[in-house]
Amino acid sequence: MSLADRLIDVRPLRSSRAFRELWIGSLLSGSGWLIVSVAVLLQVWQLTRNPVRTGAIGLATAVPLLLFTFGGGRWRMRWTDAA
């Protein structure tokens, strides 16, 4: 058994078409989101050449992502505990 076989279990990808499609779709979606994020920051930098404005765009996307992620997790925990 090789090291890769011990670290990564690819049996679900081989046995379940639905899981494979979900995994590939998630990979493509995440890659697209990262490409768009970098493209927006690059465009702001090229238009303004201002690191403060470029950083502000980064914060404007990161702060809501973090707040809603943690807030949504707390809300979901309360929702499932009440049931």
N, C-alpha and C. Protein backbone atom coordinates (compact mmCIF):
# COMPACT_ATOMS: atom_id res chain seq x y z
N MET A 1 0.85 -1.17 0.00
CA MET A 1 0.00 0.00 0.00
C MET A 1 0.90 1.24 0.00
N SER A 2 0.67 2.12 -0.94
CA SER A 2 1.49 3.32 -1.05
C SER A 2 1.01 4.39 -0.07
N LEU A 3 1.82 5.42 0.07
CA LEU A 3 1.48 6.52 0.98
C LEU A 3 0.21 7.23 0.52
N ALA A 4 0.05 7.43 -0.79
CA ALA A 4 -1.14 8.10 -1.31
C ALA A 4 -2.40 7.30 -1.01
N ASP A 5 -2.31 5.97 -1.07
CA ASP A 5 -3.47 5.14 -0.76
C ASP A 5 -3.87 5.25 0.71
N ARG A 6 -2.90 5.48 1.57
CA ARG A 6 -3.19 5.62 2.99
C ARG A 6 -3.76 6.99 3.34
N LEU A 7 -3.40 8.01 2.59
CA LEU A 7 -3.82 9.37 2.91
C LEU A 7 -5.14 9.77 2.26
N ILE A 8 -5.38 9.29 1.06
CA ILE A 8 -6.56 9.71 0.30
C ILE A 8 -7.39 8.48 -0.05
N ASP A 9 -8.64 8.49 0.40
CA ASP A 9 -9.55 7.40 0.06
C ASP A 9 -10.42 7.85 -1.11
N VAL A 10 -10.15 7.33 -2.29
CA VAL A 10 -10.89 7.73 -3.49
C VAL A 10 -12.00 6.76 -3.84
N ARG A 11 -12.28 5.81 -2.98
CA ARG A 11 -13.35 4.84 -3.27
C ARG A 11 -14.71 5.50 -3.46
N PRO A 12 -15.09 6.51 -2.63
CA PRO A 12 -16.39 7.14 -2.88
C PRO A 12 -16.48 7.82 -4.24
N LEU A 13 -15.37 8.38 -4.71
CA LEU A 13 -15.38 9.02 -6.02
C LEU A 13 -15.56 7.99 -7.14
N ARG A 14 -15.02 6.82 -6.94
CA ARG A 14 -15.14 5.78 -7.96
C ARG A 14 -16.50 5.08 -7.92
N SER A 15 -17.08 4.95 -6.75
CA SER A 15 -18.30 4.15 -6.63
C SER A 15 -19.59 4.96 -6.80
N SER A 16 -19.57 6.24 -6.51
CA SER A 16 -20.80 7.04 -6.53
C SER A 16 -20.70 8.16 -7.56
N ARG A 17 -21.51 8.06 -8.59
CA ARG A 17 -21.50 9.10 -9.62
C ARG A 17 -22.00 10.43 -9.06
N ALA A 18 -23.03 10.39 -8.22
CA ALA A 18 -23.57 11.63 -7.65
C ALA A 18 -22.53 12.34 -6.79
N PHE A 19 -21.79 11.58 -5.99
CA PHE A 19 -20.75 12.18 -5.16
C PHE A 19 -19.64 12.76 -6.02
N ARG A 20 -19.28 12.06 -7.08
CA ARG A 20 -18.24 12.53 -8.00
C ARG A 20 -18.66 13.84 -8.65
N GLU A 21 -19.91 13.93 -9.09
CA GLU A 21 -20.41 15.16 -9.71
C GLU A 21 -20.47 16.30 -8.69
N LEU A 22 -20.87 16.00 -7.47
CA LEU A 22 -20.89 17.02 -6.42
C LEU A 22 -19.48 17.52 -6.13
N TRP A 23 -18.53 16.61 -6.04
CA TRP A 23 -17.14 16.97 -5.76
C TRP A 23 -16.55 17.82 -6.87
N ILE A 24 -16.77 17.44 -8.11
CA ILE A 24 -16.25 18.20 -9.25
C ILE A 24 -16.92 19.56 -9.33
N GLY A 25 -18.23 19.61 -9.11
CA GLY A 25 -18.93 20.89 -9.13
C GLY A 25 -18.45 21.83 -8.04
N SER A 26 -18.22 21.29 -6.85
CA SER A 26 -17.70 22.11 -5.76
C SER A 26 -16.30 22.62 -6.06
N LEU A 27 -15.49 21.77 -6.66
CA LEU A 27 -14.14 22.18 -7.03
C LEU A 27 -14.17 23.30 -8.07
N LEU A 28 -15.01 23.17 -9.07
CA LEU A 28 -15.11 24.21 -10.10
C LEU A 28 -15.68 25.52 -9.53
N SER A 29 -16.67 25.39 -8.68
CA SER A 29 -17.27 26.59 -8.07
C SER A 29 -16.27 27.32 -7.20
N GLY A 30 -15.55 26.59 -6.37
CA GLY A 30 -14.55 27.21 -5.51
C GLY A 30 -13.44 27.85 -6.32
N SER A 31 -13.01 27.19 -7.39
CA SER A 31 -11.97 27.76 -8.25
C SER A 31 -12.45 29.03 -8.92
N GLY A 32 -13.67 29.03 -9.39
CA GLY A 32 -14.24 30.23 -10.01
C GLY A 32 -14.34 31.38 -9.04
N TRP A 33 -14.73 31.09 -7.80
CA TRP A 33 -14.84 32.14 -6.80
C TRP A 33 -13.47 32.75 -6.51
N LEU A 34 -12.44 31.93 -6.43
CA LEU A 34 -11.09 32.44 -6.18
C LEU A 34 -10.59 33.28 -7.35
N ILE A 35 -10.86 32.84 -8.57
CA ILE A 35 -10.43 33.59 -9.75
C ILE A 35 -11.11 34.96 -9.78
N VAL A 36 -12.39 35.00 -9.50
CA VAL A 36 -13.12 36.27 -9.49
C VAL A 36 -12.59 37.19 -8.40
N SER A 37 -12.30 36.64 -7.23
CA SER A 37 -11.77 37.47 -6.14
C SER A 37 -10.44 38.11 -6.53
N VAL A 38 -9.56 37.34 -7.11
CA VAL A 38 -8.27 37.88 -7.53
C VAL A 38 -8.45 38.89 -8.66
N ALA A 39 -9.35 38.61 -9.59
CA ALA A 39 -9.57 39.52 -10.71
C ALA A 39 -10.11 40.87 -10.24
N VAL A 40 -11.01 40.87 -9.27
CA VAL A 40 -11.55 42.13 -8.76
C VAL A 40 -10.46 42.94 -8.07
N LEU A 41 -9.66 42.27 -7.24
CA LEU A 41 -8.58 42.99 -6.56
C LEU A 41 -7.56 43.51 -7.57
N LEU A 42 -7.24 42.74 -8.58
CA LEU A 42 -6.30 43.18 -9.60
C LEU A 42 -6.85 44.37 -10.38
N GLN A 43 -8.13 44.34 -10.69
CA GLN A 43 -8.73 45.46 -11.43
C GLN A 43 -8.73 46.74 -10.59
N VAL A 44 -9.06 46.63 -9.32
CA VAL A 44 -9.03 47.81 -8.45
C VAL A 44 -7.62 48.35 -8.36
N TRP A 45 -6.63 47.46 -8.24
CA TRP A 45 -5.24 47.91 -8.17
C TRP A 45 -4.82 48.61 -9.46
N GLN A 46 -5.19 48.05 -10.61
CA GLN A 46 -4.80 48.66 -11.87
C GLN A 46 -5.49 50.00 -12.10
N LEU A 47 -6.71 50.15 -11.63
CA LEU A 47 -7.42 51.41 -11.82
C LEU A 47 -6.95 52.50 -10.86
N THR A 48 -6.62 52.13 -9.64
CA THR A 48 -6.33 53.14 -8.63
C THR A 48 -4.86 53.22 -8.22
N ARG A 49 -4.14 52.12 -8.30
CA ARG A 49 -2.76 52.03 -7.79
C ARG A 49 -2.70 52.47 -6.33
N ASN A 50 -3.76 52.19 -5.60
CA ASN A 50 -3.86 52.60 -4.20
C ASN A 50 -4.03 51.35 -3.33
N PRO A 51 -3.05 51.04 -2.48
CA PRO A 51 -3.16 49.84 -1.66
C PRO A 51 -4.29 49.91 -0.63
N VAL A 52 -4.65 51.11 -0.20
CA VAL A 52 -5.73 51.24 0.78
C VAL A 52 -7.06 50.86 0.15
N ARG A 53 -7.32 51.34 -1.04
CA ARG A 53 -8.57 50.98 -1.72
C ARG A 53 -8.62 49.50 -2.08
N THR A 54 -7.49 48.96 -2.49
CA THR A 54 -7.45 47.54 -2.80
C THR A 54 -7.69 46.72 -1.53
N GLY A 55 -7.09 47.12 -0.43
CA GLY A 55 -7.32 46.45 0.83
C GLY A 55 -8.74 46.58 1.32
N ALA A 56 -9.35 47.74 1.05
CA ALA A 56 -10.75 47.94 1.45
C ALA A 56 -11.68 46.99 0.72
N ILE A 57 -11.39 46.72 -0.55
CA ILE A 57 -12.19 45.75 -1.29
C ILE A 57 -12.02 44.36 -0.68
N GLY A 58 -10.80 44.03 -0.32
CA GLY A 58 -10.55 42.74 0.33
C GLY A 58 -11.30 42.62 1.64
N LEU A 59 -11.28 43.68 2.45
CA LEU A 59 -12.02 43.66 3.71
C LEU A 59 -13.53 43.62 3.48
N ALA A 60 -13.99 44.34 2.46
CA ALA A 60 -15.43 44.37 2.18
C ALA A 60 -15.95 43.00 1.78
N THR A 61 -15.10 42.15 1.25
CA THR A 61 -15.54 40.80 0.91
C THR A 61 -15.27 39.81 2.04
N ALA A 62 -14.21 40.01 2.81
CA ALA A 62 -13.83 39.05 3.85
C ALA A 62 -14.67 39.19 5.11
N VAL A 63 -14.94 40.42 5.52
CA VAL A 63 -15.66 40.62 6.79
C VAL A 63 -17.07 40.03 6.76
N PRO A 64 -17.89 40.31 5.75
CA PRO A 64 -19.22 39.68 5.74
C PRO A 64 -19.14 38.16 5.63
N LEU A 65 -18.17 37.67 4.89
CA LEU A 65 -18.00 36.22 4.77
C LEU A 65 -17.76 35.60 6.14
N LEU A 66 -16.87 36.18 6.92
CA LEU A 66 -16.58 35.65 8.25
C LEU A 66 -17.76 35.82 9.20
N LEU A 67 -18.37 37.01 9.19
CA LEU A 67 -19.48 37.26 10.11
C LEU A 67 -20.66 36.35 9.82
N PHE A 68 -21.03 36.22 8.57
CA PHE A 68 -22.19 35.40 8.24
C PHE A 68 -21.88 33.91 8.39
N THR A 69 -20.63 33.53 8.21
CA THR A 69 -20.28 32.13 8.42
C THR A 69 -20.44 31.75 9.88
N PHE A 70 -19.84 32.55 10.77
CA PHE A 70 -19.95 32.25 12.19
C PHE A 70 -21.37 32.45 12.70
N GLY A 71 -22.02 33.51 12.26
CA GLY A 71 -23.40 33.76 12.68
C GLY A 71 -24.35 32.68 12.18
N GLY A 72 -24.16 32.25 10.96
CA GLY A 72 -25.00 31.19 10.42
C GLY A 72 -24.79 29.87 11.14
N GLY A 73 -23.55 29.61 11.52
CA GLY A 73 -23.27 28.40 12.29
C GLY A 73 -23.93 28.43 13.65
N ARG A 74 -23.89 29.58 14.30
CA ARG A 74 -24.55 29.71 15.61
C ARG A 74 -26.06 29.57 15.46
N TRP A 75 -26.62 30.19 14.43
CA TRP A 75 -28.06 30.11 14.21
C TRP A 75 -28.47 28.68 13.92
N ARG A 76 -27.69 27.99 13.13
CA ARG A 76 -28.01 26.59 12.80
C ARG A 76 -27.94 25.71 14.04
N MET A 77 -26.96 25.95 14.90
CA MET A 77 -26.84 25.16 16.12
C MET A 77 -28.05 25.38 17.02
N ARG A 78 -28.51 26.62 17.13
CA ARG A 78 -29.70 26.90 17.94
C ARG A 78 -30.92 26.26 17.32
N TRP A 79 -31.01 26.29 16.00
CA TRP A 79 -32.16 25.73 15.30
C TRP A 79 -32.23 24.22 15.51
N THR A 80 -31.09 23.53 15.39
CA THR A 80 -31.09 22.09 15.52
C THR A 80 -31.22 21.65 16.99
N ASP A 81 -30.74 22.47 17.95
CA ASP A 81 -30.89 22.12 19.35
C ASP A 81 -32.33 22.25 19.80
N ALA A 82 -33.08 23.17 19.21
CA ALA A 82 -34.47 23.39 19.61
C ALA A 82 -35.38 22.26 19.13
N ALA A 83 -34.98 21.59 18.07
CA ALA A 83 -35.84 20.54 17.49
C ALA A 83 -35.79 19.25 18.27
